[in-house]
Amino acid sequence: MSSRSTRAGGYALVETMVTIVVIAFGLLGVAGLVSRSFVTEAEATQRTRAALLLQDMVGRINANRAVVACYAITIDASTGTPYLGVGADVSGLVCGVGSATANTRAIQDLVEWSDLLAGASETAGGNVGAMVGARGCVTEDDAANRIYTVSVAWQGLTATKAPDATLNCAKDLYGDEKLRRVVSIPVRIATLN
């Protein structure tokens, strides 16, 4: 009788150990899923912030359309500079188009947008930033038709596909190009009389 109960106790112990191993693998899978969901949520939050900053600049340009050329920054296609935002020097911005009031407003808009990209509005006991390494560019695509592209670039958390080659804003500033994220929007400014 005692050998039968010893065998039964041994099988019960093996079954318990197998159950613990299965549960441990299941919990590891859940932990990996939760970890991945945090990264995905952070990426989505950054993309939403970038879209808001993109629309902010489009609104500023539309409000001061008489001097739209003041907003354009000529970007070197090989280096992705200059840009506004993290690490940008906005002290030398000048504009010589239109009225002095409109020029001043355009420069002020660029400085404020640069500050927003750098995270000036995102504070918690200090500047915590909007997105990782956020930078913005406004480029003139077609001067005759007044077509511009507004772009916001930032560093993603995981490597994905590199942005399209035509999106040069902040190119090669995040190490691997597969970490650079860019959202952009073309803007056509109508000539109103």
C-alpha atoms as a PDB file:
ATOM      1  CA  MET A   1       0.000   0.000   0.000  1.00  0.00           C
ATOM      2  CA  SER A   2       2.839   2.395   0.800  1.00  0.00           C
ATOM      3  CA  SER A   3       4.565   1.877  -2.591  1.00  0.00           C
ATOM      4  CA  ARG A   4       1.309   2.719  -4.382  1.00  0.00           C
ATOM      5  CA  SER A   5       0.897   5.988  -2.448  1.00  0.00           C
ATOM      6  CA  THR A   6       4.583   6.843  -3.000  1.00  0.00           C
ATOM      7  CA  ARG A   7       4.146   6.377  -6.763  1.00  0.00           C
ATOM      8  CA  ALA A   8       0.980   8.434  -6.753  1.00  0.00           C
ATOM      9  CA  GLY A   9       2.777  11.151  -4.786  1.00  0.00           C
ATOM     10  CA  GLY A  10       5.640  11.064  -7.302  1.00  0.00           C
ATOM     11  CA  TYR A  11       3.280  11.457 -10.247  1.00  0.00           C
ATOM     12  CA  ALA A  12       1.519  14.318  -8.507  1.00  0.00           C
ATOM     13  CA  LEU A  13       4.861  16.043  -7.952  1.00  0.00           C
ATOM     14  CA  VAL A  14       5.829  15.637 -11.634  1.00  0.00           C
ATOM     15  CA  GLU A  15       2.408  16.924 -12.762  1.00  0.00           C
ATOM     16  CA  THR A  16       2.782  19.939 -10.455  1.00  0.00           C
ATOM     17  CA  MET A  17       6.249  20.726 -11.806  1.00  0.00           C
ATOM     18  CA  VAL A  18       5.038  20.439 -15.426  1.00  0.00           C
ATOM     19  CA  THR A  19       2.122  22.769 -14.599  1.00  0.00           C
ATOM     20  CA  ILE A  20       4.501  25.309 -13.032  1.00  0.00           C
ATOM     21  CA  VAL A  21       6.757  25.233 -16.127  1.00  0.00           C
ATOM     22  CA  VAL A  22       3.762  25.715 -18.470  1.00  0.00           C
ATOM     23  CA  ILE A  23       2.445  28.606 -16.367  1.00  0.00           C
ATOM     24  CA  ALA A  24       5.933  30.185 -16.250  1.00  0.00           C
ATOM     25  CA  PHE A  25       6.202  30.114 -20.070  1.00  0.00           C
ATOM     26  CA  GLY A  26       2.705  31.597 -20.313  1.00  0.00           C
ATOM     27  CA  LEU A  27       3.606  34.401 -17.918  1.00  0.00           C
ATOM     28  CA  LEU A  28       6.807  35.121 -19.877  1.00  0.00           C
ATOM     29  CA  GLY A  29       4.714  35.407 -23.034  1.00  0.00           C
ATOM     30  CA  VAL A  30       2.304  37.817 -21.326  1.00  0.00           C
ATOM     31  CA  ALA A  31       5.230  39.876 -20.008  1.00  0.00           C
ATOM     32  CA  GLY A  32       6.680  40.116 -23.530  1.00  0.00           C
ATOM     33  CA  LEU A  33       3.298  41.166 -24.896  1.00  0.00           C
ATOM     34  CA  VAL A  34       2.908  43.866 -22.253  1.00  0.00           C
ATOM     35  CA  SER A  35       6.442  45.114 -22.904  1.00  0.00           C
ATOM     36  CA  ARG A  36       5.798  45.315 -26.661  1.00  0.00           C
ATOM     37  CA  SER A  37       2.491  47.117 -26.084  1.00  0.00           C
ATOM     38  CA  PHE A  38       4.309  49.807 -24.055  1.00  0.00           C
ATOM     39  CA  VAL A  39       6.718  50.419 -26.953  1.00  0.00           C
ATOM     40  CA  THR A  40       3.835  50.519 -29.444  1.00  0.00           C
ATOM     41  CA  GLU A  41       1.919  52.950 -27.254  1.00  0.00           C
ATOM     42  CA  ALA A  42       4.958  55.218 -26.923  1.00  0.00           C
ATOM     43  CA  GLU A  43       5.484  55.198 -30.706  1.00  0.00           C
ATOM     44  CA  ALA A  44       1.806  56.066 -31.278  1.00  0.00           C
ATOM     45  CA  THR A  45       1.979  58.890 -28.734  1.00  0.00           C
ATOM     46  CA  GLN A  46       5.051  60.332 -30.450  1.00  0.00           C
ATOM     47  CA  ARG A  47       3.386  60.131 -33.869  1.00  0.00           C
ATOM     48  CA  THR A  48       0.302  61.923 -32.505  1.00  0.00           C
ATOM     49  CA  ARG A  49       2.459  64.688 -31.024  1.00  0.00           C
ATOM     50  CA  ALA A  50       4.317  65.022 -34.324  1.00  0.00           C
ATOM     51  CA  ALA A  51       1.033  65.368 -36.213  1.00  0.00           C
ATOM     52  CA  LEU A  52      -0.120  68.073 -33.794  1.00  0.00           C
ATOM     53  CA  LEU A  53       3.148  69.988 -34.222  1.00  0.00           C
ATOM     54  CA  LEU A  54       2.876  69.602 -37.980  1.00  0.00           C
ATOM     55  CA  GLN A  55      -0.617  71.101 -37.989  1.00  0.00           C
ATOM     56  CA  ASP A  56       0.561  73.864 -35.658  1.00  0.00           C
ATOM     57  CA  MET A  57       3.109  75.080 -38.216  1.00  0.00           C
ATOM     58  CA  VAL A  58       0.662  74.741 -41.112  1.00  0.00           C
ATOM     59  CA  GLY A  59      -1.749  76.972 -39.177  1.00  0.00           C
ATOM     60  CA  ARG A  60       1.004  79.517 -38.489  1.00  0.00           C
ATOM     61  CA  ILE A  61       1.950  79.625 -42.175  1.00  0.00           C
ATOM     62  CA  ASN A  62      -1.660  80.023 -43.270  1.00  0.00           C
ATOM     63  CA  ALA A  63      -2.167  82.861 -40.783  1.00  0.00           C
ATOM     64  CA  ASN A  64       0.876  84.737 -42.146  1.00  0.00           C
ATOM     65  CA  ARG A  65       0.703  83.671 -45.804  1.00  0.00           C
ATOM     66  CA  ALA A  66       1.953  86.997 -47.190  1.00  0.00           C
ATOM     67  CA  VAL A  67       5.505  86.089 -46.118  1.00  0.00           C
ATOM     68  CA  VAL A  68       5.369  82.313 -46.584  1.00  0.00           C
ATOM     69  CA  ALA A  69       8.909  82.383 -48.011  1.00  0.00           C
ATOM     70  CA  CYS A  70      10.172  83.437 -44.557  1.00  0.00           C
ATOM     71  CA  TYR A  71       9.159  80.042 -43.172  1.00  0.00           C
ATOM     72  CA  ALA A  72      11.118  78.019 -45.735  1.00  0.00           C
ATOM     73  CA  ILE A  73      14.472  76.598 -44.729  1.00  0.00           C
ATOM     74  CA  THR A  74      16.774  75.296 -47.456  1.00  0.00           C
ATOM     75  CA  ILE A  75      17.823  71.821 -46.351  1.00  0.00           C
ATOM     76  CA  ASP A  76      21.047  70.174 -47.467  1.00  0.00           C
ATOM     77  CA  ALA A  77      19.858  66.837 -48.909  1.00  0.00           C
ATOM     78  CA  SER A  78      23.002  65.018 -47.809  1.00  0.00           C
ATOM     79  CA  THR A  79      23.015  66.164 -44.159  1.00  0.00           C
ATOM     80  CA  GLY A  80      19.367  66.980 -43.419  1.00  0.00           C
ATOM     81  CA  THR A  81      20.319  70.348 -41.933  1.00  0.00           C
ATOM     82  CA  PRO A  82      19.408  73.024 -41.007  1.00  0.00           C
ATOM     83  CA  TYR A  83      16.290  72.281 -38.980  1.00  0.00           C
ATOM     84  CA  LEU A  84      14.333  73.636 -36.027  1.00  0.00           C
ATOM     85  CA  GLY A  85      13.827  71.906 -32.684  1.00  0.00           C
ATOM     86  CA  VAL A  86      16.274  69.945 -30.552  1.00  0.00           C
ATOM     87  CA  GLY A  87      19.779  71.383 -30.936  1.00  0.00           C
ATOM     88  CA  ALA A  88      18.746  74.118 -33.398  1.00  0.00           C
ATOM     89  CA  ASP A  89      20.199  77.600 -33.284  1.00  0.00           C
ATOM     90  CA  VAL A  90      17.368  80.042 -33.989  1.00  0.00           C
ATOM     91  CA  SER A  91      19.320  83.181 -33.132  1.00  0.00           C
ATOM     92  CA  GLY A  92      20.253  83.946 -36.746  1.00  0.00           C
ATOM     93  CA  LEU A  93      16.813  83.706 -38.341  1.00  0.00           C
ATOM     94  CA  VAL A  94      16.122  86.638 -40.667  1.00  0.00           C
ATOM     95  CA  CYS A  95      13.469  87.453 -43.237  1.00  0.00           C
ATOM     96  CA  GLY A  96      13.405  90.209 -45.812  1.00  0.00           C
ATOM     97  CA  VAL A  97      10.076  89.557 -47.534  1.00  0.00           C
ATOM     98  CA  GLY A  98       6.947  91.648 -46.987  1.00  0.00           C
ATOM     99  CA  SER A  99       6.264  94.033 -44.135  1.00  0.00           C
ATOM    100  CA  ALA A 100       8.361  94.307 -40.978  1.00  0.00           C
ATOM    101  CA  THR A 101       5.369  93.206 -38.885  1.00  0.00           C
ATOM    102  CA  ALA A 102       4.834  90.073 -40.999  1.00  0.00           C
ATOM    103  CA  ASN A 103       8.588  89.324 -40.917  1.00  0.00           C
ATOM    104  CA  THR A 104       8.677  89.639 -37.145  1.00  0.00           C
ATOM    105  CA  ARG A 105       5.637  87.356 -36.851  1.00  0.00           C
ATOM    106  CA  ALA A 106       7.256  84.733 -39.122  1.00  0.00           C
ATOM    107  CA  ILE A 107      10.504  84.720 -37.126  1.00  0.00           C
ATOM    108  CA  GLN A 108       8.533  84.536 -33.878  1.00  0.00           C
ATOM    109  CA  ASP A 109       6.503  81.607 -35.273  1.00  0.00           C
ATOM    110  CA  LEU A 110       9.692  79.734 -36.213  1.00  0.00           C
ATOM    111  CA  VAL A 111      11.259  80.336 -32.785  1.00  0.00           C
ATOM    112  CA  GLU A 112       8.079  79.240 -30.979  1.00  0.00           C
ATOM    113  CA  TRP A 113       7.752  76.141 -33.168  1.00  0.00           C
ATOM    114  CA  SER A 114      11.399  75.287 -32.515  1.00  0.00           C
ATOM    115  CA  ASP A 115      10.735  75.563 -28.771  1.00  0.00           C
ATOM    116  CA  LEU A 116       7.657  73.326 -29.072  1.00  0.00           C
ATOM    117  CA  LEU A 117       9.678  70.735 -30.983  1.00  0.00           C
ATOM    118  CA  ALA A 118      12.331  70.856 -28.278  1.00  0.00           C
ATOM    119  CA  GLY A 119       9.629  70.163 -25.694  1.00  0.00           C
ATOM    120  CA  ALA A 120       9.099  73.561 -24.094  1.00  0.00           C
ATOM    121  CA  SER A 121       5.399  72.831 -23.506  1.00  0.00           C
ATOM    122  CA  GLU A 122       6.026  69.346 -22.066  1.00  0.00           C
ATOM    123  CA  THR A 123       7.296  69.918 -18.558  1.00  0.00           C
ATOM    124  CA  ALA A 124       7.182  68.039 -15.290  1.00  0.00           C
ATOM    125  CA  GLY A 125       9.678  69.550 -12.865  1.00  0.00           C
ATOM    126  CA  GLY A 126      11.850  70.426 -15.867  1.00  0.00           C
ATOM    127  CA  ASN A 127      11.738  70.092 -19.632  1.00  0.00           C
ATOM    128  CA  VAL A 128      10.882  66.494 -20.568  1.00  0.00           C
ATOM    129  CA  GLY A 129      10.422  67.057 -24.302  1.00  0.00           C
ATOM    130  CA  ALA A 130       7.748  66.304 -26.816  1.00  0.00           C
ATOM    131  CA  MET A 131       9.387  63.471 -28.712  1.00  0.00           C
ATOM    132  CA  VAL A 132      12.846  61.971 -28.704  1.00  0.00           C
ATOM    133  CA  GLY A 133      15.072  64.398 -30.635  1.00  0.00           C
ATOM    134  CA  ALA A 134      12.184  66.214 -32.369  1.00  0.00           C
ATOM    135  CA  ARG A 135      13.187  68.412 -35.293  1.00  0.00           C
ATOM    136  CA  GLY A 136      11.124  70.282 -37.861  1.00  0.00           C
ATOM    137  CA  CYS A 137      11.653  71.593 -41.376  1.00  0.00           C
ATOM    138  CA  VAL A 138       9.724  73.754 -43.802  1.00  0.00           C
ATOM    139  CA  THR A 139      10.986  73.448 -47.370  1.00  0.00           C
ATOM    140  CA  GLU A 140      10.026  75.277 -50.525  1.00  0.00           C
ATOM    141  CA  ASP A 141       9.182  72.754 -53.243  1.00  0.00           C
ATOM    142  CA  ASP A 142       7.892  75.091 -55.965  1.00  0.00           C
ATOM    143  CA  ALA A 143       8.297  78.847 -55.485  1.00  0.00           C
ATOM    144  CA  ALA A 144       6.224  79.787 -58.540  1.00  0.00           C
ATOM    145  CA  ASN A 145       3.197  77.817 -57.326  1.00  0.00           C
ATOM    146  CA  ARG A 146       3.904  78.491 -53.640  1.00  0.00           C
ATOM    147  CA  ILE A 147       4.115  74.808 -52.669  1.00  0.00           C
ATOM    148  CA  TYR A 148       5.904  73.939 -49.426  1.00  0.00           C
ATOM    149  CA  THR A 149       6.443  70.815 -47.340  1.00  0.00           C
ATOM    150  CA  VAL A 150       6.264  70.907 -43.551  1.00  0.00           C
ATOM    151  CA  SER A 151       8.003  67.957 -41.851  1.00  0.00           C
ATOM    152  CA  VAL A 152       8.551  66.773 -38.295  1.00  0.00           C
ATOM    153  CA  ALA A 153      11.250  64.178 -37.604  1.00  0.00           C
ATOM    154  CA  TRP A 154      12.091  62.321 -34.403  1.00  0.00           C
ATOM    155  CA  GLN A 155      13.873  59.201 -33.164  1.00  0.00           C
ATOM    156  CA  GLY A 156      11.749  56.082 -32.894  1.00  0.00           C
ATOM    157  CA  LEU A 157      12.202  53.492 -30.180  1.00  0.00           C
ATOM    158  CA  THR A 158      12.756  50.492 -32.447  1.00  0.00           C
ATOM    159  CA  ALA A 159      14.221  50.124 -35.923  1.00  0.00           C
ATOM    160  CA  THR A 160      11.714  49.951 -38.780  1.00  0.00           C
ATOM    161  CA  LYS A 161      11.907  50.953 -42.445  1.00  0.00           C
ATOM    162  CA  ALA A 162      13.930  54.087 -43.222  1.00  0.00           C
ATOM    163  CA  PRO A 163      11.868  57.104 -44.366  1.00  0.00           C
ATOM    164  CA  ASP A 164      11.490  57.910 -48.055  1.00  0.00           C
ATOM    165  CA  ALA A 165      14.647  59.417 -49.572  1.00  0.00           C
ATOM    166  CA  THR A 166      12.812  62.659 -50.411  1.00  0.00           C
ATOM    167  CA  LEU A 167      12.180  63.359 -46.711  1.00  0.00           C
ATOM    168  CA  ASN A 168      15.544  64.863 -45.736  1.00  0.00           C
ATOM    169  CA  CYS A 169      14.554  66.600 -42.496  1.00  0.00           C
ATOM    170  CA  ALA A 170      17.062  65.568 -39.771  1.00  0.00           C
ATOM    171  CA  LYS A 171      18.639  62.973 -42.045  1.00  0.00           C
ATOM    172  CA  ASP A 172      21.465  60.948 -40.431  1.00  0.00           C
ATOM    173  CA  LEU A 173      20.989  62.580 -37.015  1.00  0.00           C
ATOM    174  CA  TYR A 174      19.677  59.521 -35.161  1.00  0.00           C
ATOM    175  CA  GLY A 175      22.408  57.003 -35.925  1.00  0.00           C
ATOM    176  CA  ASP A 176      20.542  54.359 -37.867  1.00  0.00           C
ATOM    177  CA  GLU A 177      18.150  55.793 -40.475  1.00  0.00           C
ATOM    178  CA  LYS A 178      15.719  53.019 -39.541  1.00  0.00           C
ATOM    179  CA  LEU A 179      15.192  54.838 -36.223  1.00  0.00           C
ATOM    180  CA  ARG A 180      14.272  58.151 -37.891  1.00  0.00           C
ATOM    181  CA  ARG A 181      10.550  58.812 -38.113  1.00  0.00           C
ATOM    182  CA  VAL A 182       9.163  61.592 -40.324  1.00  0.00           C
ATOM    183  CA  VAL A 183       5.663  62.895 -40.909  1.00  0.00           C
ATOM    184  CA  SER A 184       5.160  65.589 -43.514  1.00  0.00           C
ATOM    185  CA  ILE A 185       2.419  67.446 -45.289  1.00  0.00           C
ATOM    186  CA  PRO A 186       2.494  69.452 -48.510  1.00  0.00           C
ATOM    187  CA  VAL A 187       1.078  72.957 -48.242  1.00  0.00           C
ATOM    188  CA  ARG A 188      -0.016  75.041 -51.200  1.00  0.00           C
ATOM    189  CA  ILE A 189      -0.544  78.691 -50.432  1.00  0.00           C
ATOM    190  CA  ALA A 190      -3.120  80.317 -52.692  1.00  0.00           C
ATOM    191  CA  THR A 191      -2.524  83.818 -53.956  1.00  0.00           C
ATOM    192  CA  LEU A 192      -5.438  85.855 -52.656  1.00  0.00           C
ATOM    193  CA  ASN A 193      -6.148  89.321 -54.033  1.00  0.00           C
END
